[in-house]
Amino acid sequence: MRYSRLRAPDVTEDSLVSSLKRYAEPLPATDSPEFAALFDRFGDARVVLIGEASHGTSEFYCARNAITRRLIEQHGFNIVATEADWPDAAKIDRYVRLGEAASWATEAFKRFPTWMWRNRETAEFADWLRQHNDQRPEAERVEFRGLDVYSLGASLEEVLRYLHEVDPKAVERARERYSCLTPWQHEPARYARHVAIEGERSCEAVVVEQLQELLDQRLEYLQQGGERFFDAERNARVVVAAEEYYRTLYRGSTESWNLRDRHMFDTLKALLSHRGEHAKAVVWAHNSHIGNAAATSMGWGGEFNIGELCRTAFGREAVLIGQFTDRGEVAAADNWDEPMRIKPVRPARDDSWEKLFLRVGQSATLTDWRDSTRRELRLALSGPRLERAIGVIYRPHTERQSHYFQAILAEQFDALLWFEQTRAVEPIASQQPEHTDIPETYPFGE
C-alpha cells in the first residue's frame, strides 16, 4: 500500500472551509485573458496534466483549452497529449500541423464514446491550434497526440498501410502475423474471451515479432521520413499493448487498468523524447488518470496511473491539476455502448471534497497548494474524503457505489479548478458510435 507523505491533522469541516476561503482565487470567465494568465505560475513545468471530473462537461473542456493555449503561447509547450486513441488523434494532428482538411470530425472517434472528443469544445481548440501553427515553421508546430490503448484494429491497419508504402516486401509478413488478430480486430473483447475463457493460443508472440522487425529496419525506414516511421512505430506498439490489454480483461480490472496507464505514460515519454530537449507537454485526461493514484483508494487497492508515474519520473516538473463541480448537466450514457444522453448531475454529497468547495461560496475558483508557502493548506487537505468521478457512464441512482472514492486531495493534485454549476459538452456530427463490445471494467465506467 502507498501512503500520503503528510499526516492528517485533526481539523473540523469549518476549519477546512476557512482554509479554502483563504486560498481559493476567484476565476473570471474561461474566455477572458485574465483567466488564462492565472496559470502562468505553472509555466516552468515540463509536463502539466489537466484533469476533468467527467468526460462530458463543457466547463472542464473550455478551461483546459484556455490553460493550454496560454502554456503554448507564453511558455513554449509544444505537445498536447490526450486520453484518445493514437490513430484518431493523428487525424487532428494532421489537421493542425500539416494543414489537411478538417475531416477528423466525421472520420475519427467513431468508437464509443464519440462525444468525448467529437464535440464543439475540441473542434474550437483544434481550429485555434491550426491557426497558431500556420504562423510557424513546420518543426516548431504544436502536436496533438493520443495516448490510449484501445485502437487495436485501426493501429494494425495503419502499420500495414505504412509498410505497403515504404517496404512492399514486408507487407505480407506483417499481414500473416496480424492475421492472428484480424478475426477480432473490430471486436477485441471476443479475442479476450477466446484466450482467457476458451483457452486458445494468444497472438502475443507474433505482434511482438512484428514490432521487432519494424524496429530492426529503423535506419532504412527513417530515410523515407522520420515522422512517418514514428507514427508507424507507435501504432505497432499500440497493437502490442492492446493485445495484452484485451487479454488481461478477464484477469481483473486492476491489471488492465495498470497496463493501460503504463502504456499512456510510455507513449508520453516517447513523445517527449521524439520532440527533443525542449519538449513540454500538456496532458488531457480524466481526474482518475492524472491525479496521483497513490493518494486514492484506487491506489490503495493496487492501481497506479499516469499522474503517479509522472510525479515519480519528473518530480516538481510535473504539475497535476484537477477539476470539480457540484451540479449541472453532463453528457454520458446509462451503460457501455448505449446512446449519449444529457443527464442531470446530482449535488455533491455532504461528506465529499466537492461539498467543501461549494461552501467556499464562489462559483469558480483556482486553489493552488503547490507552492511551499502553502503548507498550512496542504496539511488541511491531507485527510481522506470522498471524491466524485463521472466517466462516459453516469448512474445517479447508484452514485455512492458507482462514482465516489476516497482521496487525499493534498497528495492527489497540486491545484484544483472548481466550477459550482456546469453544463454538458456540445456534440458535433453523428453521435452513432460503432459497436465496440468492450466490457465495462474500469471504475466509474471511465
Protein backbone atom coordinates (compact mmCIF):
# COMPACT_ATOMS: atom_id res chain seq x y z
CA MET A 1 0.00 0.00 0.00
CA ARG A 2 1.23 3.51 -0.82
CA TYR A 3 0.63 6.25 1.73
CA SER A 4 0.44 10.04 1.75
CA ARG A 5 3.59 11.83 2.93
CA LEU A 6 1.52 14.19 5.11
CA ARG A 7 -0.03 13.34 8.44
CA ALA A 8 -3.65 14.48 8.51
CA PRO A 9 -4.31 16.92 11.36
CA ASP A 10 -7.44 16.87 13.44
CA VAL A 11 -9.47 19.54 11.68
CA THR A 12 -13.14 20.33 11.56
CA GLU A 13 -15.08 20.92 8.37
CA ASP A 14 -15.41 24.57 9.33
CA SER A 15 -11.64 24.99 9.60
CA LEU A 16 -11.19 23.21 6.26
CA VAL A 17 -13.62 25.62 4.64
CA SER A 18 -11.83 28.55 6.27
CA SER A 19 -8.52 27.41 4.78
CA LEU A 20 -10.12 27.03 1.35
CA LYS A 21 -11.69 30.50 1.60
CA ARG A 22 -8.28 31.97 2.39
CA TYR A 23 -6.52 30.45 -0.60
CA ALA A 24 -9.23 29.97 -3.24
CA GLU A 25 -8.77 32.52 -6.03
CA PRO A 26 -11.95 33.62 -7.85
CA LEU A 27 -11.85 32.82 -11.56
CA PRO A 28 -13.15 35.06 -14.34
CA ALA A 29 -14.85 33.55 -17.40
CA THR A 30 -12.71 30.97 -19.20
CA ASP A 31 -12.72 33.06 -22.40
CA SER A 32 -11.19 36.13 -20.71
CA PRO A 33 -7.40 36.80 -20.88
CA GLU A 34 -7.34 37.17 -17.09
CA PHE A 35 -8.42 33.54 -16.68
CA ALA A 36 -5.52 32.06 -18.63
CA ALA A 37 -2.94 34.41 -17.09
CA LEU A 38 -3.57 32.88 -13.66
CA PHE A 39 -1.89 29.69 -14.86
CA ASP A 40 1.45 31.30 -15.72
CA ARG A 41 2.62 30.01 -12.33
CA PHE A 42 2.80 26.52 -13.86
CA GLY A 43 4.76 27.56 -16.95
CA ASP A 44 8.06 26.30 -15.53
CA ALA A 45 6.89 22.67 -15.60
CA ARG A 46 7.85 20.13 -18.22
CA VAL A 47 4.51 18.33 -18.04
CA VAL A 48 1.20 19.87 -16.96
CA LEU A 49 -1.58 17.33 -16.53
CA ILE A 50 -5.11 18.77 -16.55
CA GLY A 51 -7.93 16.53 -15.42
CA GLU A 52 -11.70 16.51 -15.52
CA ALA A 53 -14.30 15.06 -13.18
CA SER A 54 -16.31 13.82 -16.18
CA HIS A 55 -15.81 13.23 -19.89
CA GLY A 56 -18.91 15.23 -20.79
CA THR A 57 -18.70 18.65 -19.08
CA SER A 58 -18.19 21.78 -21.17
CA GLU A 59 -16.55 23.91 -18.48
CA PHE A 60 -13.80 21.35 -17.99
CA TYR A 61 -13.01 21.34 -21.71
CA CYS A 62 -13.16 25.14 -22.03
CA ALA A 63 -10.90 25.68 -19.02
CA ARG A 64 -8.43 23.12 -20.33
CA ASN A 65 -8.46 24.77 -23.75
CA ALA A 66 -7.71 28.21 -22.30
CA ILE A 67 -4.93 26.97 -20.00
CA THR A 68 -3.32 25.01 -22.81
CA ARG A 69 -3.40 27.95 -25.22
CA ARG A 70 -1.65 30.08 -22.61
CA LEU A 71 1.01 27.45 -21.93
CA ILE A 72 1.63 27.12 -25.66
CA GLU A 73 1.77 30.84 -26.43
CA GLN A 74 3.66 32.07 -23.39
CA HIS A 75 5.65 29.13 -22.07
CA GLY A 76 6.73 27.05 -25.06
CA PHE A 77 4.60 23.94 -24.60
CA ASN A 78 4.64 22.02 -27.87
CA ILE A 79 2.77 18.73 -27.25
CA VAL A 80 -0.89 18.19 -26.37
CA ALA A 81 -1.23 14.55 -25.30
CA THR A 82 -4.77 13.28 -24.77
CA GLU A 83 -6.73 10.33 -23.43
CA ALA A 84 -7.57 9.38 -27.01
CA ASP A 85 -6.57 6.65 -29.44
CA TRP A 86 -3.38 7.28 -31.40
CA PRO A 87 -4.87 6.89 -34.93
CA ASP A 88 -7.87 9.13 -34.15
CA ALA A 89 -5.75 11.86 -32.59
CA ALA A 90 -3.41 11.60 -35.58
CA LYS A 91 -6.22 12.90 -37.79
CA ILE A 92 -6.44 16.04 -35.64
CA ASP A 93 -2.64 16.24 -35.62
CA ARG A 94 -2.52 16.21 -39.42
CA TYR A 95 -5.17 18.94 -39.49
CA VAL A 96 -3.38 21.22 -37.01
CA ARG A 97 0.20 20.63 -38.15
CA LEU A 98 0.07 19.70 -41.83
CA GLY A 99 -2.95 21.67 -42.98
CA GLU A 100 -5.08 18.71 -44.02
CA ALA A 101 -8.84 19.11 -44.26
CA ALA A 102 -10.84 19.01 -41.04
CA SER A 103 -12.22 15.54 -41.75
CA TRP A 104 -11.47 14.29 -38.24
CA ALA A 105 -14.89 15.47 -37.01
CA THR A 106 -16.61 12.88 -39.20
CA GLU A 107 -13.88 10.27 -39.79
CA ALA A 108 -12.27 9.93 -36.34
CA PHE A 109 -13.56 8.94 -32.92
CA LYS A 110 -16.20 6.56 -34.23
CA ARG A 111 -15.82 4.18 -31.31
CA PHE A 112 -17.99 4.68 -28.24
CA PRO A 113 -17.99 7.28 -26.68
CA THR A 114 -17.93 9.57 -29.71
CA TRP A 115 -18.94 12.72 -27.79
CA MET A 116 -15.79 12.61 -25.66
CA TRP A 117 -13.75 14.17 -28.49
CA ARG A 118 -16.25 14.81 -31.28
CA ASN A 119 -17.61 17.96 -29.66
CA ARG A 120 -17.69 21.71 -30.21
CA GLU A 121 -15.13 22.37 -27.47
CA THR A 122 -12.50 20.10 -29.03
CA ALA A 123 -13.23 21.48 -32.51
CA GLU A 124 -12.69 25.05 -31.30
CA PHE A 125 -9.33 24.14 -29.81
CA ALA A 126 -8.28 22.27 -32.96
CA ASP A 127 -9.20 25.30 -35.11
CA TRP A 128 -7.21 27.60 -32.82
CA LEU A 129 -4.20 25.27 -32.89
CA ARG A 130 -4.35 25.11 -36.68
CA GLN A 131 -4.22 28.92 -36.86
CA HIS A 132 -1.42 29.06 -34.29
CA ASN A 133 0.67 26.51 -36.19
CA ASP A 134 0.07 28.20 -39.56
CA GLN A 135 2.26 31.07 -38.38
CA ARG A 136 5.22 28.83 -37.55
CA PRO A 137 7.79 26.68 -39.35
CA GLU A 138 6.82 23.01 -39.52
CA ALA A 139 9.48 21.99 -36.98
CA GLU A 140 8.04 24.38 -34.38
CA ARG A 141 4.39 23.40 -34.69
CA VAL A 142 2.49 22.04 -31.71
CA GLU A 143 1.48 18.36 -31.86
CA PHE A 144 -1.88 16.85 -30.91
CA ARG A 145 -1.42 13.21 -29.90
CA GLY A 146 -3.36 10.29 -28.43
CA LEU A 147 -2.08 8.20 -25.54
CA ASP A 148 -4.66 5.45 -25.25
CA VAL A 149 -4.56 1.74 -25.98
CA TYR A 150 -7.93 0.78 -27.45
CA SER A 151 -7.21 1.10 -31.18
CA LEU A 152 -6.11 -2.44 -31.92
CA GLY A 153 -7.81 -2.70 -35.31
CA ALA A 154 -7.11 0.84 -36.50
CA SER A 155 -3.46 0.72 -35.43
CA LEU A 156 -2.98 -2.66 -37.09
CA GLU A 157 -4.31 -1.24 -40.35
CA GLU A 158 -2.05 1.82 -40.06
CA VAL A 159 1.05 -0.40 -39.75
CA LEU A 160 0.06 -2.34 -42.86
CA ARG A 161 -0.64 0.88 -44.77
CA TYR A 162 2.79 2.25 -43.84
CA LEU A 163 4.63 -0.89 -44.89
CA HIS A 164 2.72 -1.00 -48.17
CA GLU A 165 4.14 2.44 -48.96
CA VAL A 166 7.75 2.03 -47.78
CA ASP A 167 8.51 -1.71 -47.97
CA PRO A 168 6.01 -3.75 -50.02
CA LYS A 169 8.00 -6.94 -49.45
CA ALA A 170 7.41 -6.63 -45.70
CA VAL A 171 3.65 -6.25 -46.01
CA GLU A 172 2.87 -9.91 -46.49
CA ARG A 173 4.94 -10.93 -43.48
CA ALA A 174 3.12 -8.34 -41.38
CA ARG A 175 -0.24 -9.36 -42.76
CA GLU A 176 0.48 -13.01 -41.94
CA ARG A 177 1.44 -12.16 -38.37
CA TYR A 178 -1.51 -9.87 -37.82
CA SER A 179 -3.89 -12.46 -39.30
CA CYS A 180 -3.85 -13.99 -35.83
CA LEU A 181 -5.80 -10.93 -34.64
CA THR A 182 -7.84 -9.94 -37.68
CA PRO A 183 -10.88 -12.10 -36.80
CA TRP A 184 -11.30 -9.95 -33.70
CA GLN A 185 -9.77 -6.61 -34.65
CA HIS A 186 -13.13 -4.81 -34.61
CA GLU A 187 -14.50 -6.74 -31.60
CA PRO A 188 -11.44 -7.22 -29.40
CA ALA A 189 -13.40 -8.36 -26.36
CA ARG A 190 -14.16 -11.53 -28.34
CA TYR A 191 -10.40 -12.08 -28.53
CA ALA A 192 -10.22 -11.70 -24.74
CA ARG A 193 -12.85 -14.42 -24.31
CA HIS A 194 -11.14 -16.56 -26.96
CA VAL A 195 -7.89 -16.61 -24.98
CA ALA A 196 -8.92 -16.19 -21.36
CA ILE A 197 -12.05 -18.35 -21.25
CA GLU A 198 -11.74 -20.75 -24.17
CA GLY A 199 -8.03 -21.29 -23.58
CA GLU A 200 -6.92 -20.69 -27.17
CA ARG A 201 -3.39 -19.59 -28.07
CA SER A 202 -2.73 -15.86 -27.81
CA CYS A 203 -1.26 -13.63 -30.50
CA GLU A 204 1.34 -12.11 -28.18
CA ALA A 205 4.41 -13.62 -29.84
CA VAL A 206 3.53 -12.60 -33.40
CA VAL A 207 2.65 -8.97 -32.63
CA VAL A 208 5.88 -8.57 -30.66
CA GLU A 209 7.76 -10.16 -33.58
CA GLN A 210 6.18 -7.66 -35.97
CA LEU A 211 7.18 -4.70 -33.78
CA GLN A 212 10.72 -6.05 -33.57
CA GLU A 213 11.02 -6.39 -37.36
CA LEU A 214 9.84 -2.80 -37.74
CA LEU A 215 12.48 -1.64 -35.25
CA ASP A 216 15.17 -3.74 -36.95
CA GLN A 217 14.52 -1.78 -40.16
CA ARG A 218 14.57 1.57 -38.37
CA LEU A 219 17.59 3.04 -40.16
CA GLU A 220 16.27 2.15 -43.61
CA TYR A 221 12.74 3.37 -42.86
CA LEU A 222 13.92 6.62 -41.28
CA GLN A 223 15.46 7.59 -44.61
CA GLN A 224 11.94 7.67 -46.02
CA GLY A 225 10.63 10.04 -43.34
CA GLY A 226 11.17 10.23 -39.61
CA GLU A 227 7.65 11.35 -38.75
CA ARG A 228 6.06 8.58 -40.78
CA PHE A 229 8.25 5.97 -39.11
CA PHE A 230 7.49 7.35 -35.65
CA ASP A 231 3.77 7.11 -36.36
CA ALA A 232 4.10 3.53 -37.61
CA GLU A 233 6.24 2.51 -34.66
CA ARG A 234 3.74 3.95 -32.17
CA ASN A 235 0.90 2.13 -33.93
CA ALA A 236 2.85 -1.13 -33.78
CA ARG A 237 3.39 -0.57 -30.07
CA VAL A 238 -0.34 0.09 -29.63
CA VAL A 239 -1.06 -3.29 -31.25
CA VAL A 240 1.31 -4.98 -28.79
CA ALA A 241 -0.17 -3.15 -25.79
CA ALA A 242 -3.77 -3.60 -26.95
CA GLU A 243 -3.31 -7.33 -27.48
CA GLU A 244 -2.05 -7.64 -23.91
CA TYR A 245 -4.69 -5.27 -22.57
CA TYR A 246 -7.61 -7.21 -24.00
CA ARG A 247 -6.01 -10.47 -22.90
CA THR A 248 -5.96 -9.20 -19.30
CA LEU A 249 -9.59 -8.04 -19.18
CA TYR A 250 -10.82 -11.27 -17.63
CA ARG A 251 -7.96 -11.42 -15.12
CA GLY A 252 -9.19 -8.36 -13.21
CA SER A 253 -9.67 -4.63 -13.60
CA THR A 254 -6.51 -3.70 -11.67
CA GLU A 255 -4.17 -5.42 -14.11
CA SER A 256 -5.89 -4.00 -17.19
CA TRP A 257 -6.07 -0.50 -15.66
CA ASN A 258 -2.35 -0.54 -14.83
CA LEU A 259 -1.41 -1.81 -18.28
CA ARG A 260 -3.44 0.98 -19.89
CA ASP A 261 -1.92 3.76 -17.79
CA ARG A 262 1.59 2.36 -18.17
CA HIS A 263 1.09 2.47 -21.94
CA MET A 264 -0.14 6.08 -21.76
CA PHE A 265 2.90 7.06 -19.69
CA ASP A 266 5.31 5.24 -22.01
CA THR A 267 3.73 6.99 -25.00
CA LEU A 268 4.09 10.36 -23.28
CA LYS A 269 7.77 9.67 -22.62
CA ALA A 270 8.26 8.66 -26.26
CA LEU A 271 6.64 11.92 -27.40
CA LEU A 272 8.90 13.99 -25.17
CA SER A 273 11.98 12.10 -26.36
CA HIS A 274 10.96 12.38 -30.01
CA ARG A 275 10.42 16.14 -29.70
CA GLY A 276 13.82 16.73 -28.14
CA GLU A 277 15.32 18.59 -25.20
CA HIS A 278 12.87 21.50 -25.39
CA ALA A 279 9.77 19.29 -25.30
CA LYS A 280 6.99 20.38 -22.95
CA ALA A 281 3.63 18.60 -22.81
CA VAL A 282 0.11 19.28 -21.64
CA VAL A 283 -1.81 16.08 -20.84
CA TRP A 284 -5.61 15.95 -21.04
CA ALA A 285 -7.27 13.05 -19.23
CA HIS A 286 -9.79 12.20 -16.55
CA ASN A 287 -9.01 13.12 -12.93
CA SER A 288 -8.75 9.40 -12.19
CA HIS A 289 -5.80 9.19 -14.60
CA ILE A 290 -3.94 12.42 -13.91
CA GLY A 291 -4.42 12.72 -10.13
CA ASN A 292 -1.78 10.79 -8.20
CA ALA A 293 -3.36 7.36 -7.66
CA ALA A 294 -1.16 6.73 -4.61
CA ALA A 295 -3.34 9.23 -2.73
CA THR A 296 -6.65 7.49 -3.52
CA SER A 297 -8.49 4.28 -2.71
CA MET A 298 -7.74 3.22 -6.28
CA GLY A 299 -4.03 3.29 -5.47
CA TRP A 300 -4.52 1.68 -2.09
CA GLY A 301 -6.13 -1.20 -3.97
CA GLY A 302 -3.10 -1.66 -6.22
CA GLU A 303 -3.80 0.62 -9.19
CA PHE A 304 -1.41 3.28 -10.45
CA ASN A 305 -1.92 5.90 -13.13
CA ILE A 306 -0.16 8.32 -15.43
CA GLY A 307 -0.28 11.07 -12.80
CA GLU A 308 1.56 8.98 -10.24
CA LEU A 309 4.10 7.83 -12.84
CA CYS A 310 4.72 11.43 -13.95
CA ARG A 311 5.15 12.62 -10.38
CA THR A 312 7.69 9.86 -9.77
CA ALA A 313 9.55 10.48 -13.04
CA PHE A 314 9.51 14.28 -13.22
CA GLY A 315 9.10 15.47 -9.63
CA ARG A 316 8.18 19.16 -9.46
CA GLU A 317 8.48 19.38 -13.22
CA ALA A 318 5.08 17.63 -13.35
CA VAL A 319 2.02 19.63 -12.26
CA LEU A 320 -1.26 17.81 -11.59
CA ILE A 321 -4.42 19.93 -11.86
CA GLY A 322 -7.86 18.50 -11.11
CA GLN A 323 -11.34 19.86 -11.86
CA PHE A 324 -14.50 19.52 -9.75
CA THR A 325 -18.15 20.55 -9.94
CA ASP A 326 -21.18 20.38 -7.67
CA ARG A 327 -24.14 20.05 -10.01
CA GLY A 328 -25.46 20.73 -13.50
CA GLU A 329 -25.64 18.57 -16.61
CA VAL A 330 -23.30 16.06 -18.24
CA ALA A 331 -23.15 14.14 -21.49
CA ALA A 332 -22.97 10.45 -20.59
CA ALA A 333 -24.55 7.07 -21.25
CA ASP A 334 -26.51 4.73 -18.99
CA ASN A 335 -24.38 1.73 -19.98
CA TRP A 336 -21.45 0.89 -22.22
CA ASP A 337 -22.21 1.22 -25.95
CA GLU A 338 -25.57 2.90 -25.32
CA PRO A 339 -26.60 6.31 -26.73
CA MET A 340 -25.38 9.56 -25.22
CA ARG A 341 -27.85 11.40 -23.02
CA ILE A 342 -27.81 14.81 -21.37
CA LYS A 343 -28.17 13.86 -17.72
CA PRO A 344 -28.61 15.99 -14.58
CA VAL A 345 -25.67 15.84 -12.17
CA ARG A 346 -26.75 15.46 -8.57
CA PRO A 347 -25.48 17.94 -5.97
CA ALA A 348 -22.36 16.59 -4.27
CA ARG A 349 -22.59 14.50 -1.11
CA ASP A 350 -22.16 16.21 2.24
CA ASP A 351 -19.11 14.06 3.05
CA SER A 352 -17.27 14.91 -0.20
CA TRP A 353 -14.46 17.27 -1.13
CA GLU A 354 -16.85 18.87 -3.61
CA LYS A 355 -19.18 19.95 -0.80
CA LEU A 356 -16.34 21.75 0.97
CA PHE A 357 -15.51 23.73 -2.17
CA LEU A 358 -19.21 24.56 -2.53
CA ARG A 359 -19.20 26.02 0.99
CA VAL A 360 -16.46 28.45 -0.04
CA GLY A 361 -19.24 30.37 -1.76
CA GLN A 362 -17.52 31.14 -5.07
CA SER A 363 -18.93 29.98 -8.41
CA ALA A 364 -15.47 29.33 -9.91
CA THR A 365 -12.07 29.19 -8.21
CA LEU A 366 -8.46 28.11 -8.56
CA THR A 367 -6.94 26.66 -5.39
CA ASP A 368 -3.21 26.05 -5.57
CA TRP A 369 -1.18 24.29 -2.87
CA ARG A 370 1.94 23.53 -4.92
CA ASP A 371 3.87 26.48 -3.50
CA SER A 372 5.93 25.69 -0.39
CA THR A 373 4.44 28.72 1.39
CA ARG A 374 1.04 26.99 1.41
CA ARG A 375 1.92 24.12 3.71
CA GLU A 376 -0.95 25.11 6.01
CA LEU A 377 -3.41 24.48 3.19
CA ARG A 378 -1.76 21.20 2.23
CA LEU A 379 -1.99 19.99 5.80
CA ALA A 380 -5.66 20.93 5.93
CA LEU A 381 -6.28 18.89 2.76
CA SER A 382 -4.29 15.86 3.87
CA GLY A 383 -7.11 13.75 5.31
CA PRO A 384 -9.28 11.35 3.25
CA ARG A 385 -12.72 12.36 1.96
CA LEU A 386 -14.98 11.20 -0.80
CA GLU A 387 -14.44 12.47 -4.35
CA ARG A 388 -16.73 12.03 -7.36
CA ALA A 389 -15.73 10.69 -10.76
CA ILE A 390 -18.13 10.50 -13.69
CA GLY A 391 -16.79 8.71 -16.75
CA VAL A 392 -18.59 8.05 -20.01
CA ILE A 393 -21.25 6.29 -17.93
CA TYR A 394 -23.24 8.06 -15.22
CA ARG A 395 -25.66 6.28 -12.90
CA PRO A 396 -27.08 8.86 -10.49
CA HIS A 397 -29.26 6.36 -8.64
CA THR A 398 -26.23 4.34 -7.51
CA GLU A 399 -23.90 7.32 -7.31
CA ARG A 400 -22.23 6.48 -3.97
CA GLN A 401 -21.22 3.00 -5.14
CA SER A 402 -20.66 3.85 -8.80
CA HIS A 403 -18.93 7.22 -8.74
CA TYR A 404 -17.32 8.05 -5.38
CA PHE A 405 -13.97 7.02 -3.98
CA GLN A 406 -11.69 8.11 -1.14
CA ALA A 407 -8.92 10.61 -1.88
CA ILE A 408 -6.33 12.68 -0.01
CA LEU A 409 -6.53 15.87 -2.01
CA ALA A 410 -3.20 17.37 -0.92
CA GLU A 411 -1.30 14.47 -2.46
CA GLN A 412 -3.63 13.71 -5.36
CA PHE A 413 -3.29 17.11 -7.09
CA ASP A 414 -1.15 20.25 -6.95
CA ALA A 415 -4.10 22.54 -7.69
CA LEU A 416 -7.81 22.35 -8.33
CA LEU A 417 -10.31 24.17 -10.53
CA TRP A 418 -13.82 24.49 -9.12
CA PHE A 419 -16.98 25.19 -11.11
CA GLU A 420 -20.12 25.25 -8.99
CA GLN A 421 -22.56 24.57 -11.82
CA THR A 422 -21.73 23.05 -15.18
CA ARG A 423 -23.32 22.12 -18.49
CA ALA A 424 -22.82 19.29 -20.97
CA VAL A 425 -20.43 19.36 -23.91
CA GLU A 426 -21.96 20.07 -27.33
CA PRO A 427 -21.56 17.06 -29.67
CA ILE A 428 -20.89 17.63 -33.35
CA ALA A 429 -21.58 15.45 -36.39
CA SER A 430 -23.07 12.00 -35.90
CA GLN A 431 -23.22 10.57 -32.42
CA GLN A 432 -23.96 6.99 -33.52
CA PRO A 433 -20.86 5.10 -32.34
CA GLU A 434 -19.57 1.91 -33.83
CA HIS A 435 -20.25 -1.10 -31.63
CA THR A 436 -17.13 -1.90 -29.63
CA ASP A 437 -18.05 -4.88 -27.45
CA ILE A 438 -15.64 -3.76 -24.71
CA PRO A 439 -16.60 -4.96 -21.23
CA GLU A 440 -17.07 -2.21 -18.68
CA THR A 441 -14.13 -2.97 -16.43
CA TYR A 442 -12.99 0.44 -15.24
CA PRO A 443 -14.04 2.29 -12.12
CA PHE A 444 -16.93 4.66 -12.85
CA GLY A 445 -17.25 3.32 -16.41
CA GLU A 446 -14.28 5.58 -17.23
